[in-house]
PDB file of N, CA and C in Angstrom:
ATOM      1  N   MET A   1      -1.006   5.178 -12.241  1.00  0.00           N
ATOM      2  CA  MET A   1      -1.396   4.046 -11.521  1.00  0.00           C
ATOM      3  C   MET A   1      -1.866   4.502 -10.151  1.00  0.00           C
ATOM      4  N   LYS A   2      -2.939   3.850  -9.738  1.00  0.00           N
ATOM      5  CA  LYS A   2      -3.624   4.078  -8.496  1.00  0.00           C
ATOM      6  C   LYS A   2      -3.865   2.781  -7.720  1.00  0.00           C
ATOM      7  N   PHE A   3      -3.631   2.807  -6.383  1.00  0.00           N
ATOM      8  CA  PHE A   3      -3.700   1.663  -5.667  1.00  0.00           C
ATOM      9  C   PHE A   3      -4.466   1.800  -4.306  1.00  0.00           C
ATOM     10  N   LYS A   4      -5.297   0.853  -3.961  1.00  0.00           N
ATOM     11  CA  LYS A   4      -6.013   0.890  -2.589  1.00  0.00           C
ATOM     12  C   LYS A   4      -5.143   0.108  -1.792  1.00  0.00           C
ATOM     13  N   VAL A   5      -4.698   0.626  -0.569  1.00  0.00           N
ATOM     14  CA  VAL A   5      -3.826   0.021   0.446  1.00  0.00           C
ATOM     15  C   VAL A   5      -4.452  -0.111   1.819  1.00  0.00           C
ATOM     16  N   ALA A   6      -4.338  -1.477   2.244  1.00  0.00           N
ATOM     17  CA  ALA A   6      -4.708  -1.839   3.623  1.00  0.00           C
ATOM     18  C   ALA A   6      -3.351  -2.177   4.313  1.00  0.00           C
ATOM     19  N   TYR A   7      -3.178  -1.523   5.407  1.00  0.00           N
ATOM     20  CA  TYR A   7      -1.873  -1.720   6.247  1.00  0.00           C
ATOM     21  C   TYR A   7      -2.100  -1.436   7.628  1.00  0.00           C
ATOM     22  N   ASN A   8      -1.153  -1.540   8.512  1.00  0.00           N
ATOM     23  CA  ASN A   8      -1.223  -1.347   9.877  1.00  0.00           C
ATOM     24  C   ASN A   8      -2.308  -2.235  10.676  1.00  0.00           C
ATOM     25  N   ALA A   9      -2.236  -3.508  10.338  1.00  0.00           N
ATOM     26  CA  ALA A   9      -3.297  -4.512  10.936  1.00  0.00           C
ATOM     27  C   ALA A   9      -3.099  -4.514  12.458  1.00  0.00           C
ATOM     28  N   LYS A  10      -4.177  -4.456  13.109  1.00  0.00           N
ATOM     29  CA  LYS A  10      -4.272  -4.544  14.604  1.00  0.00           C
ATOM     30  C   LYS A  10      -5.566  -5.375  14.911  1.00  0.00           C
ATOM     31  N   PRO A  11      -5.444  -6.247  15.959  1.00  0.00           N
ATOM     32  CA  PRO A  11      -6.717  -6.996  16.234  1.00  0.00           C
ATOM     33  C   PRO A  11      -7.647  -5.977  17.092  1.00  0.00           C
ATOM     34  N   ASN A  12      -8.929  -6.207  16.722  1.00  0.00           N
ATOM     35  CA  ASN A  12      -9.981  -5.431  17.480  1.00  0.00           C
ATOM     36  C   ASN A  12     -10.242  -6.147  18.681  1.00  0.00           C
ATOM     37  N   MET A  13     -11.202  -5.749  19.569  1.00  0.00           N
ATOM     38  CA  MET A  13     -11.578  -6.455  20.840  1.00  0.00           C
ATOM     39  C   MET A  13     -12.143  -7.743  20.605  1.00  0.00           C
ATOM     40  N   PHE A  14     -12.572  -8.055  19.503  1.00  0.00           N
ATOM     41  CA  PHE A  14     -13.125  -9.428  19.115  1.00  0.00           C
ATOM     42  C   PHE A  14     -12.119 -10.334  18.489  1.00  0.00           C
ATOM     43  N   GLY A  15     -10.881  -9.736  18.283  1.00  0.00           N
ATOM     44  CA  GLY A  15      -9.851 -10.568  17.834  1.00  0.00           C
ATOM     45  C   GLY A  15      -9.792 -10.598  16.230  1.00  0.00           C
ATOM     46  N   ARG A  16     -10.514  -9.925  15.629  1.00  0.00           N
ATOM     47  CA  ARG A  16     -10.434  -9.710  14.123  1.00  0.00           C
ATOM     48  C   ARG A  16      -9.514  -8.589  13.835  1.00  0.00           C
ATOM     49  N   LEU A  17      -8.803  -8.772  12.717  1.00  0.00           N
ATOM     50  CA  LEU A  17      -7.866  -7.771  12.162  1.00  0.00           C
ATOM     51  C   LEU A  17      -8.620  -6.640  11.627  1.00  0.00           C
ATOM     52  N   GLU A  18      -8.173  -5.348  12.040  1.00  0.00           N
ATOM     53  CA  GLU A  18      -8.683  -4.164  11.368  1.00  0.00           C
ATOM     54  C   GLU A  18      -7.344  -3.374  10.802  1.00  0.00           C
ATOM     55  N   PHE A  19      -7.601  -2.887   9.667  1.00  0.00           N
ATOM     56  CA  PHE A  19      -6.587  -2.228   8.960  1.00  0.00           C
ATOM     57  C   PHE A  19      -6.791  -0.821   8.780  1.00  0.00           C
ATOM     58  N   SER A  20      -5.687  -0.042   8.588  1.00  0.00           N
ATOM     59  CA  SER A  20      -5.848   1.411   8.172  1.00  0.00           C
ATOM     60  C   SER A  20      -5.909   1.350   6.622  1.00  0.00           C
ATOM     61  N   HIS A  21      -6.646   2.172   6.057  1.00  0.00           N
ATOM     62  CA  HIS A  21      -6.786   2.224   4.518  1.00  0.00           C
ATOM     63  C   HIS A  21      -6.400   3.592   4.008  1.00  0.00           C
ATOM     64  N   THR A  22      -5.863   3.505   2.710  1.00  0.00           N
ATOM     65  CA  THR A  22      -5.552   4.772   2.036  1.00  0.00           C
ATOM     66  C   THR A  22      -5.445   4.473   0.562  1.00  0.00           C
ATOM     67  N   LEU A  23      -5.234   5.527  -0.212  1.00  0.00           N
ATOM     68  CA  LEU A  23      -4.921   5.319  -1.613  1.00  0.00           C
ATOM     69  C   LEU A  23      -3.469   5.876  -1.788  1.00  0.00           C
ATOM     70  N   MET A  24      -2.871   5.306  -2.737  1.00  0.00           N
ATOM     71  CA  MET A  24      -1.528   5.730  -3.337  1.00  0.00           C
ATOM     72  C   MET A  24      -1.655   5.914  -4.692  1.00  0.00           C
ATOM     73  N   SER A  25      -0.827   6.852  -5.284  1.00  0.00           N
ATOM     74  CA  SER A  25      -0.982   7.138  -6.769  1.00  0.00           C
ATOM     75  C   SER A  25       0.323   7.752  -7.190  1.00  0.00           C
ATOM     76  N   ASP A  26       0.539   7.751  -8.554  1.00  0.00           N
ATOM     77  CA  ASP A  26       1.644   8.558  -8.956  1.00  0.00           C
ATOM     78  C   ASP A  26       1.202   9.712  -9.702  1.00  0.00           C
ATOM     79  N   ASP A  27      -0.084  10.130  -9.579  1.00  0.00           N
ATOM     80  CA  ASP A  27      -0.555  11.342 -10.270  1.00  0.00           C
ATOM     81  C   ASP A  27      -0.886  12.526  -9.258  1.00  0.00           C
ATOM     82  N   GLY A  28      -0.682  12.398  -7.955  1.00  0.00           N
ATOM     83  CA  GLY A  28      -0.838  13.503  -7.139  1.00  0.00           C
ATOM     84  C   GLY A  28      -2.188  13.732  -6.730  1.00  0.00           C
ATOM     85  N   SER A  29      -3.229  12.823  -7.014  1.00  0.00           N
ATOM     86  CA  SER A  29      -4.603  13.113  -6.696  1.00  0.00           C
ATOM     87  C   SER A  29      -5.056  12.550  -5.332  1.00  0.00           C
ATOM     88  N   VAL A  30      -4.180  11.876  -4.575  1.00  0.00           N
ATOM     89  CA  VAL A  30      -4.393  11.243  -3.266  1.00  0.00           C
ATOM     90  C   VAL A  30      -3.354  11.735  -2.396  1.00  0.00           C
ATOM     91  N   PRO A  31      -3.648  11.454  -1.084  1.00  0.00           N
ATOM     92  CA  PRO A  31      -2.683  11.853  -0.025  1.00  0.00           C
ATOM     93  C   PRO A  31      -1.301  11.269  -0.174  1.00  0.00           C
ATOM     94  N   TYR A  32      -1.187   9.982  -0.455  1.00  0.00           N
ATOM     95  CA  TYR A  32       0.188   9.381  -0.548  1.00  0.00           C
ATOM     96  C   TYR A  32       0.602   9.174  -2.149  1.00  0.00           C
ATOM     97  N   THR A  33       1.723   9.660  -2.312  1.00  0.00           N
ATOM     98  CA  THR A  33       2.427   9.301  -3.623  1.00  0.00           C
ATOM     99  C   THR A  33       2.923   7.868  -3.456  1.00  0.00           C
ATOM    100  N   ILE A  34       3.284   7.039  -4.428  1.00  0.00           N
ATOM    101  CA  ILE A  34       3.709   5.754  -4.364  1.00  0.00           C
ATOM    102  C   ILE A  34       5.146   5.806  -3.658  1.00  0.00           C
ATOM    103  N   ASP A  35       6.002   6.681  -3.997  1.00  0.00           N
ATOM    104  CA  ASP A  35       7.266   6.804  -3.423  1.00  0.00           C
ATOM    105  C   ASP A  35       7.199   7.062  -1.957  1.00  0.00           C
ATOM    106  N   ARG A  36       6.357   8.006  -1.601  1.00  0.00           N
ATOM    107  CA  ARG A  36       6.210   8.402  -0.181  1.00  0.00           C
ATOM    108  C   ARG A  36       5.734   7.201   0.604  1.00  0.00           C
ATOM    109  N   PHE A  37       4.683   6.545   0.070  1.00  0.00           N
ATOM    110  CA  PHE A  37       4.192   5.298   0.763  1.00  0.00           C
ATOM    111  C   PHE A  37       5.194   4.200   1.045  1.00  0.00           C
ATOM    112  N   LEU A  38       5.934   3.912  -0.055  1.00  0.00           N
ATOM    113  CA  LEU A  38       6.895   2.927  -0.025  1.00  0.00           C
ATOM    114  C   LEU A  38       8.062   3.340   1.001  1.00  0.00           C
ATOM    115  N   SER A  39       8.356   4.603   1.034  1.00  0.00           N
ATOM    116  CA  SER A  39       9.489   5.115   1.919  1.00  0.00           C
ATOM    117  C   SER A  39       8.989   5.091   3.421  1.00  0.00           C
ATOM    118  N   GLU A  40       7.815   5.589   3.663  1.00  0.00           N
ATOM    119  CA  GLU A  40       7.366   5.712   5.048  1.00  0.00           C
ATOM    120  C   GLU A  40       6.720   4.638   5.668  1.00  0.00           C
ATOM    121  N   VAL A  41       6.143   3.648   4.814  1.00  0.00           N
ATOM    122  CA  VAL A  41       5.496   2.510   5.374  1.00  0.00           C
ATOM    123  C   VAL A  41       6.087   1.161   5.112  1.00  0.00           C
ATOM    124  N   ILE A  42       6.295   1.001   3.794  1.00  0.00           N
ATOM    125  CA  ILE A  42       6.681  -0.383   3.508  1.00  0.00           C
ATOM    126  C   ILE A  42       8.222  -0.602   3.808  1.00  0.00           C
ATOM    127  N   PHE A  43       8.992   0.335   3.365  1.00  0.00           N
ATOM    128  CA  PHE A  43      10.536   0.191   3.463  1.00  0.00           C
ATOM    129  C   PHE A  43      11.149   1.143   4.520  1.00  0.00           C
ATOM    130  N   SER A  44      10.405   1.422   5.542  1.00  0.00           N
ATOM    131  CA  SER A  44      10.845   2.428   6.502  1.00  0.00           C
ATOM    132  C   SER A  44      11.995   1.946   7.301  1.00  0.00           C
ATOM    133  N   LYS A  45      12.258   0.880   7.375  1.00  0.00           N
ATOM    134  CA  LYS A  45      13.428   0.266   8.206  1.00  0.00           C
ATOM    135  C   LYS A  45      14.709   0.005   7.425  1.00  0.00           C
ATOM    136  N   ILE A  46      14.634   0.336   6.103  1.00  0.00           N
ATOM    137  CA  ILE A  46      15.717   0.070   5.331  1.00  0.00           C
ATOM    138  C   ILE A  46      16.539   1.238   5.352  1.00  0.00           C
ATOM    139  N   LYS A  47      17.837   1.262   5.787  1.00  0.00           N
ATOM    140  CA  LYS A  47      18.619   2.522   5.929  1.00  0.00           C
ATOM    141  C   LYS A  47      19.574   2.562   4.729  1.00  0.00           C
ATOM    142  N   ASP A  48      20.066   1.578   4.129  1.00  0.00           N
ATOM    143  CA  ASP A  48      20.916   1.682   3.148  1.00  0.00           C
ATOM    144  C   ASP A  48      20.237   1.939   1.801  1.00  0.00           C
ATOM    145  N   GLU A  49      20.759   3.203   1.218  1.00  0.00           N
ATOM    146  CA  GLU A  49      20.017   3.724   0.116  1.00  0.00           C
ATOM    147  C   GLU A  49      19.932   2.760  -1.144  1.00  0.00           C
ATOM    148  N   ASN A  50      21.003   2.058  -1.367  1.00  0.00           N
ATOM    149  CA  ASN A  50      21.112   1.179  -2.483  1.00  0.00           C
ATOM    150  C   ASN A  50      20.087  -0.008  -2.386  1.00  0.00           C
ATOM    151  N   THR A  51      20.157  -0.604  -1.049  1.00  0.00           N
ATOM    152  CA  THR A  51      19.114  -1.652  -0.920  1.00  0.00           C
ATOM    153  C   THR A  51      17.647  -1.159  -1.090  1.00  0.00           C
ATOM    154  N   PHE A  52      17.393   0.010  -0.424  1.00  0.00           N
ATOM    155  CA  PHE A  52      16.164   0.759  -0.533  1.00  0.00           C
ATOM    156  C   PHE A  52      15.775   0.813  -1.990  1.00  0.00           C
ATOM    157  N   ASN A  53      16.531   1.491  -2.819  1.00  0.00           N
ATOM    158  CA  ASN A  53      16.317   1.684  -4.263  1.00  0.00           C
ATOM    159  C   ASN A  53      16.058   0.296  -5.028  1.00  0.00           C
ATOM    160  N   VAL A  54      16.823  -0.659  -4.754  1.00  0.00           N
ATOM    161  CA  VAL A  54      16.613  -2.038  -5.331  1.00  0.00           C
ATOM    162  C   VAL A  54      15.275  -2.583  -5.043  1.00  0.00           C
ATOM    163  N   GLU A  55      14.942  -2.633  -3.685  1.00  0.00           N
ATOM    164  CA  GLU A  55      13.708  -3.142  -3.195  1.00  0.00           C
ATOM    165  C   GLU A  55      12.424  -2.286  -3.822  1.00  0.00           C
ATOM    166  N   LYS A  56      12.621  -1.049  -3.732  1.00  0.00           N
ATOM    167  CA  LYS A  56      11.516  -0.080  -4.267  1.00  0.00           C
ATOM    168  C   LYS A  56      11.289  -0.339  -5.696  1.00  0.00           C
ATOM    169  N   ASN A  57      12.286  -0.330  -6.488  1.00  0.00           N
ATOM    170  CA  ASN A  57      12.174  -0.640  -7.922  1.00  0.00           C
ATOM    171  C   ASN A  57      11.588  -1.940  -8.344  1.00  0.00           C
ATOM    172  N   LYS A  58      11.988  -2.978  -7.638  1.00  0.00           N
ATOM    173  CA  LYS A  58      11.391  -4.228  -7.751  1.00  0.00           C
ATOM    174  C   LYS A  58       9.874  -4.259  -7.393  1.00  0.00           C
ATOM    175  N   LEU A  59       9.463  -3.637  -6.284  1.00  0.00           N
ATOM    176  CA  LEU A  59       8.018  -3.698  -6.024  1.00  0.00           C
ATOM    177  C   LEU A  59       7.257  -2.863  -6.966  1.00  0.00           C
ATOM    178  N   ILE A  60       7.774  -1.698  -7.404  1.00  0.00           N
ATOM    179  CA  ILE A  60       7.033  -0.850  -8.337  1.00  0.00           C
ATOM    180  C   ILE A  60       6.918  -1.624  -9.562  1.00  0.00           C
ATOM    181  N   LYS A  61       7.808  -2.436 -10.083  1.00  0.00           N
ATOM    182  CA  LYS A  61       7.749  -3.228 -11.261  1.00  0.00           C
ATOM    183  C   LYS A  61       6.672  -4.246 -11.070  1.00  0.00           C
ATOM    184  N   GLU A  62       6.640  -4.797  -9.922  1.00  0.00           N
ATOM    185  CA  GLU A  62       5.518  -5.860  -9.587  1.00  0.00           C
ATOM    186  C   GLU A  62       4.072  -5.197  -9.578  1.00  0.00           C
ATOM    187  N   LEU A  63       4.023  -3.995  -9.098  1.00  0.00           N
ATOM    188  CA  LEU A  63       2.752  -3.258  -8.917  1.00  0.00           C
ATOM    189  C   LEU A  63       2.345  -2.857 -10.414  1.00  0.00           C
ATOM    190  N   LYS A  64       3.211  -2.403 -11.204  1.00  0.00           N
ATOM    191  CA  LYS A  64       2.822  -1.988 -12.616  1.00  0.00           C
ATOM    192  C   LYS A  64       2.242  -3.158 -13.444  1.00  0.00           C
ATOM    193  N   ALA A  65       2.600  -4.364 -13.056  1.00  0.00           N
ATOM    194  CA  ALA A  65       2.231  -5.548 -13.795  1.00  0.00           C
ATOM    195  C   ALA A  65       0.824  -6.015 -13.282  1.00  0.00           C
ATOM    196  N   LEU A  66       0.386  -5.439 -12.246  1.00  0.00           N
ATOM    197  CA  LEU A  66      -1.029  -5.768 -11.686  1.00  0.00           C
ATOM    198  C   LEU A  66      -2.123  -5.188 -12.740  1.00  0.00           C
ATOM    199  N   ALA A  67      -3.065  -6.053 -12.880  1.00  0.00           N
ATOM    200  CA  ALA A  67      -4.238  -5.614 -13.710  1.00  0.00           C
ATOM    201  C   ALA A  67      -5.192  -4.954 -12.738  1.00  0.00           C
ATOM    202  N   ILE A  68      -6.070  -4.110 -13.162  1.00  0.00           N
ATOM    203  CA  ILE A  68      -7.050  -3.365 -12.212  1.00  0.00           C
ATOM    204  C   ILE A  68      -7.870  -4.560 -11.563  1.00  0.00           C
ATOM    205  N   GLY A  69      -7.934  -4.536 -10.211  1.00  0.00           N
ATOM    206  CA  GLY A  69      -8.663  -5.444  -9.336  1.00  0.00           C
ATOM    207  C   GLY A  69      -7.800  -6.568  -8.877  1.00  0.00           C
ATOM    208  N   GLU A  70      -6.501  -6.700  -9.351  1.00  0.00           N
ATOM    209  CA  GLU A  70      -5.584  -7.674  -8.861  1.00  0.00           C
ATOM    210  C   GLU A  70      -4.850  -7.063  -7.582  1.00  0.00           C
ATOM    211  N   GLU A  71      -4.525  -7.993  -6.685  1.00  0.00           N
ATOM    212  CA  GLU A  71      -3.883  -7.602  -5.415  1.00  0.00           C
ATOM    213  C   GLU A  71      -2.487  -8.201  -5.150  1.00  0.00           C
ATOM    214  N   LYS A  72      -1.623  -7.556  -4.304  1.00  0.00           N
ATOM    215  CA  LYS A  72      -0.366  -8.048  -3.938  1.00  0.00           C
ATOM    216  C   LYS A  72      -0.385  -8.001  -2.456  1.00  0.00           C
ATOM    217  N   ILE A  73       0.006  -9.065  -1.791  1.00  0.00           N
ATOM    218  CA  ILE A  73       0.128  -8.989  -0.320  1.00  0.00           C
ATOM    219  C   ILE A  73       1.660  -9.008  -0.039  1.00  0.00           C
ATOM    220  N   ILE A  74       2.074  -8.041   0.836  1.00  0.00           N
ATOM    221  CA  ILE A  74       3.449  -8.005   1.342  1.00  0.00           C
ATOM    222  C   ILE A  74       3.369  -8.429   2.791  1.00  0.00           C
ATOM    223  N   ILE A  75       4.203  -9.377   3.042  1.00  0.00           N
ATOM    224  CA  ILE A  75       4.392  -9.824   4.527  1.00  0.00           C
ATOM    225  C   ILE A  75       5.750  -9.447   4.980  1.00  0.00           C
ATOM    226  N   ASN A  76       5.899  -8.601   5.985  1.00  0.00           N
ATOM    227  CA  ASN A  76       7.161  -8.155   6.440  1.00  0.00           C
ATOM    228  C   ASN A  76       7.356  -8.866   7.858  1.00  0.00           C
ATOM    229  N   LYS A  77       8.220  -9.918   7.819  1.00  0.00           N
ATOM    230  CA  LYS A  77       8.368 -10.678   8.951  1.00  0.00           C
ATOM    231  C   LYS A  77       9.146  -9.808  10.135  1.00  0.00           C
ATOM    232  N   GLU A  78      10.060  -8.863   9.761  1.00  0.00           N
ATOM    233  CA  GLU A  78      10.748  -8.176  10.693  1.00  0.00           C
ATOM    234  C   GLU A  78       9.823  -7.152  11.452  1.00  0.00           C
ATOM    235  N   GLU A  79       8.964  -6.535  10.748  1.00  0.00           N
ATOM    236  CA  GLU A  79       8.082  -5.509  11.523  1.00  0.00           C
ATOM    237  C   GLU A  79       6.804  -6.198  11.901  1.00  0.00           C
ATOM    238  N   LYS A  80       6.572  -7.476  11.534  1.00  0.00           N
ATOM    239  CA  LYS A  80       5.436  -8.319  11.913  1.00  0.00           C
ATOM    240  C   LYS A  80       4.228  -7.497  11.315  1.00  0.00           C
ATOM    241  N   SER A  81       4.251  -7.238   9.948  1.00  0.00           N
ATOM    242  CA  SER A  81       3.175  -6.572   9.388  1.00  0.00           C
ATOM    243  C   SER A  81       2.668  -7.202   8.036  1.00  0.00           C
ATOM    244  N   VAL A  82       1.461  -6.944   7.715  1.00  0.00           N
ATOM    245  CA  VAL A  82       0.863  -7.442   6.512  1.00  0.00           C
ATOM    246  C   VAL A  82       0.360  -6.164   5.754  1.00  0.00           C
ATOM    247  N   ILE A  83       0.595  -6.060   4.504  1.00  0.00           N
ATOM    248  CA  ILE A  83       0.048  -5.011   3.637  1.00  0.00           C
ATOM    249  C   ILE A  83      -0.552  -5.486   2.450  1.00  0.00           C
ATOM    250  N   LEU A  84      -1.775  -5.059   2.183  1.00  0.00           N
ATOM    251  CA  LEU A  84      -2.518  -5.422   1.088  1.00  0.00           C
ATOM    252  C   LEU A  84      -2.623  -4.445   0.034  1.00  0.00           C
ATOM    253  N   ILE A  85      -2.187  -4.575  -1.120  1.00  0.00           N
ATOM    254  CA  ILE A  85      -2.245  -3.513  -2.265  1.00  0.00           C
ATOM    255  C   ILE A  85      -2.975  -3.981  -3.327  1.00  0.00           C
ATOM    256  N   GLU A  86      -4.094  -3.223  -3.701  1.00  0.00           N
ATOM    257  CA  GLU A  86      -5.014  -3.636  -4.830  1.00  0.00           C
ATOM    258  C   GLU A  86      -4.880  -2.413  -5.835  1.00  0.00           C
ATOM    259  N   ARG A  87      -4.698  -2.863  -7.079  1.00  0.00           N
ATOM    260  CA  ARG A  87      -4.690  -1.819  -8.173  1.00  0.00           C
ATOM    261  C   ARG A  87      -6.139  -1.463  -8.400  1.00  0.00           C
ATOM    262  N   VAL A  88      -6.548  -0.254  -8.586  1.00  0.00           N
ATOM    263  CA  VAL A  88      -7.815   0.337  -8.740  1.00  0.00           C
ATOM    264  C   VAL A  88      -7.797   1.268 -10.047  1.00  0.00           C
ATOM    265  N   ASP A  89      -9.024   1.564 -10.431  1.00  0.00           N
ATOM    266  CA  ASP A  89      -9.168   2.467 -11.646  1.00  0.00           C
ATOM    267  C   ASP A  89      -8.749   3.897 -11.156  1.00  0.00           C
ATOM    268  N   LYS A  90      -8.110   4.655 -12.164  1.00  0.00           N
ATOM    269  CA  LYS A  90      -7.593   5.939 -11.670  1.00  0.00           C
ATOM    270  C   LYS A  90      -8.696   6.926 -11.290  1.00  0.00           C
ATOM    271  N   SER A  91     -10.023   6.570 -11.550  1.00  0.00           N
ATOM    272  CA  SER A  91     -11.109   7.455 -11.140  1.00  0.00           C
ATOM    273  C   SER A  91     -11.493   7.290  -9.612  1.00  0.00           C
ATOM    274  N   ILE A  92     -11.013   6.289  -8.913  1.00  0.00           N
ATOM    275  CA  ILE A  92     -11.353   6.129  -7.656  1.00  0.00           C
ATOM    276  C   ILE A  92     -10.795   7.287  -6.792  1.00  0.00           C
ATOM    277  N   THR A  93     -11.690   7.748  -5.876  1.00  0.00           N
ATOM    278  CA  THR A  93     -11.270   8.960  -4.983  1.00  0.00           C
ATOM    279  C   THR A  93     -11.270   8.366  -3.489  1.00  0.00           C
ATOM    280  N   MET A  94     -10.765   9.322  -2.579  1.00  0.00           N
ATOM    281  CA  MET A  94     -10.796   8.940  -1.086  1.00  0.00           C
ATOM    282  C   MET A  94     -12.241   8.811  -0.781  1.00  0.00           C
ATOM    283  N   ALA A  95     -13.197   9.685  -1.278  1.00  0.00           N
ATOM    284  CA  ALA A  95     -14.587   9.409  -0.969  1.00  0.00           C
ATOM    285  C   ALA A  95     -15.155   8.132  -1.446  1.00  0.00           C
ATOM    286  N   ASP A  96     -14.803   7.564  -2.427  1.00  0.00           N
ATOM    287  CA  ASP A  96     -15.180   6.331  -2.908  1.00  0.00           C
ATOM    288  C   ASP A  96     -14.692   5.187  -1.907  1.00  0.00           C
ATOM    289  N   LEU A  97     -13.425   5.490  -1.431  1.00  0.00           N
ATOM    290  CA  LEU A  97     -12.866   4.466  -0.484  1.00  0.00           C
ATOM    291  C   LEU A  97     -13.600   4.413   0.727  1.00  0.00           C
ATOM    292  N   LEU A  98     -13.910   5.713   1.371  1.00  0.00           N
ATOM    293  CA  LEU A  98     -14.611   5.712   2.596  1.00  0.00           C
ATOM    294  C   LEU A  98     -15.973   5.209   2.509  1.00  0.00           C
ATOM    295  N   GLU A  99     -16.673   5.379   1.316  1.00  0.00           N
ATOM    296  CA  GLU A  99     -17.950   4.827   1.067  1.00  0.00           C
ATOM    297  C   GLU A  99     -17.913   3.400   1.099  1.00  0.00           C
ATOM    298  N   GLU A 100     -16.910   2.746   0.536  1.00  0.00           N
ATOM    299  CA  GLU A 100     -16.672   1.316   0.447  1.00  0.00           C
ATOM    300  C   GLU A 100     -16.414   0.658   1.799  1.00  0.00           C
ATOM    301  N   LEU A 101     -15.795   1.383   2.688  1.00  0.00           N
ATOM    302  CA  LEU A 101     -15.522   0.904   3.964  1.00  0.00           C
ATOM    303  C   LEU A 101     -16.540   0.995   5.026  1.00  0.00           C
ATOM    304  N   HIS A 102     -17.495   1.942   4.828  1.00  0.00           N
ATOM    305  CA  HIS A 102     -18.506   2.085   5.765  1.00  0.00           C
ATOM    306  C   HIS A 102     -19.957   1.854   5.181  1.00  0.00           C
TER     307      HIS A 102
END
């Protein structure tokens, strides 16, 4: 599975939201593994290991159900953040992502 992720939204000087972008995958072909991204970005504030594992497994199940091109939006009210996750084809690379963004 491979996903394009937009996170860390911040308004630019014109008031439009700008996101950080990356890819996450379970095959080691991109900078973030799915587990690492979930641990460091999405569920970074959850300290209880049981709660973390339940939430992580629930989200992974939802992500596995996405077809290529489908998206999931995660709104974290505690951290005041929005994360957009889109399932992409396994052949997508960081170079493809950079080309798409610019």
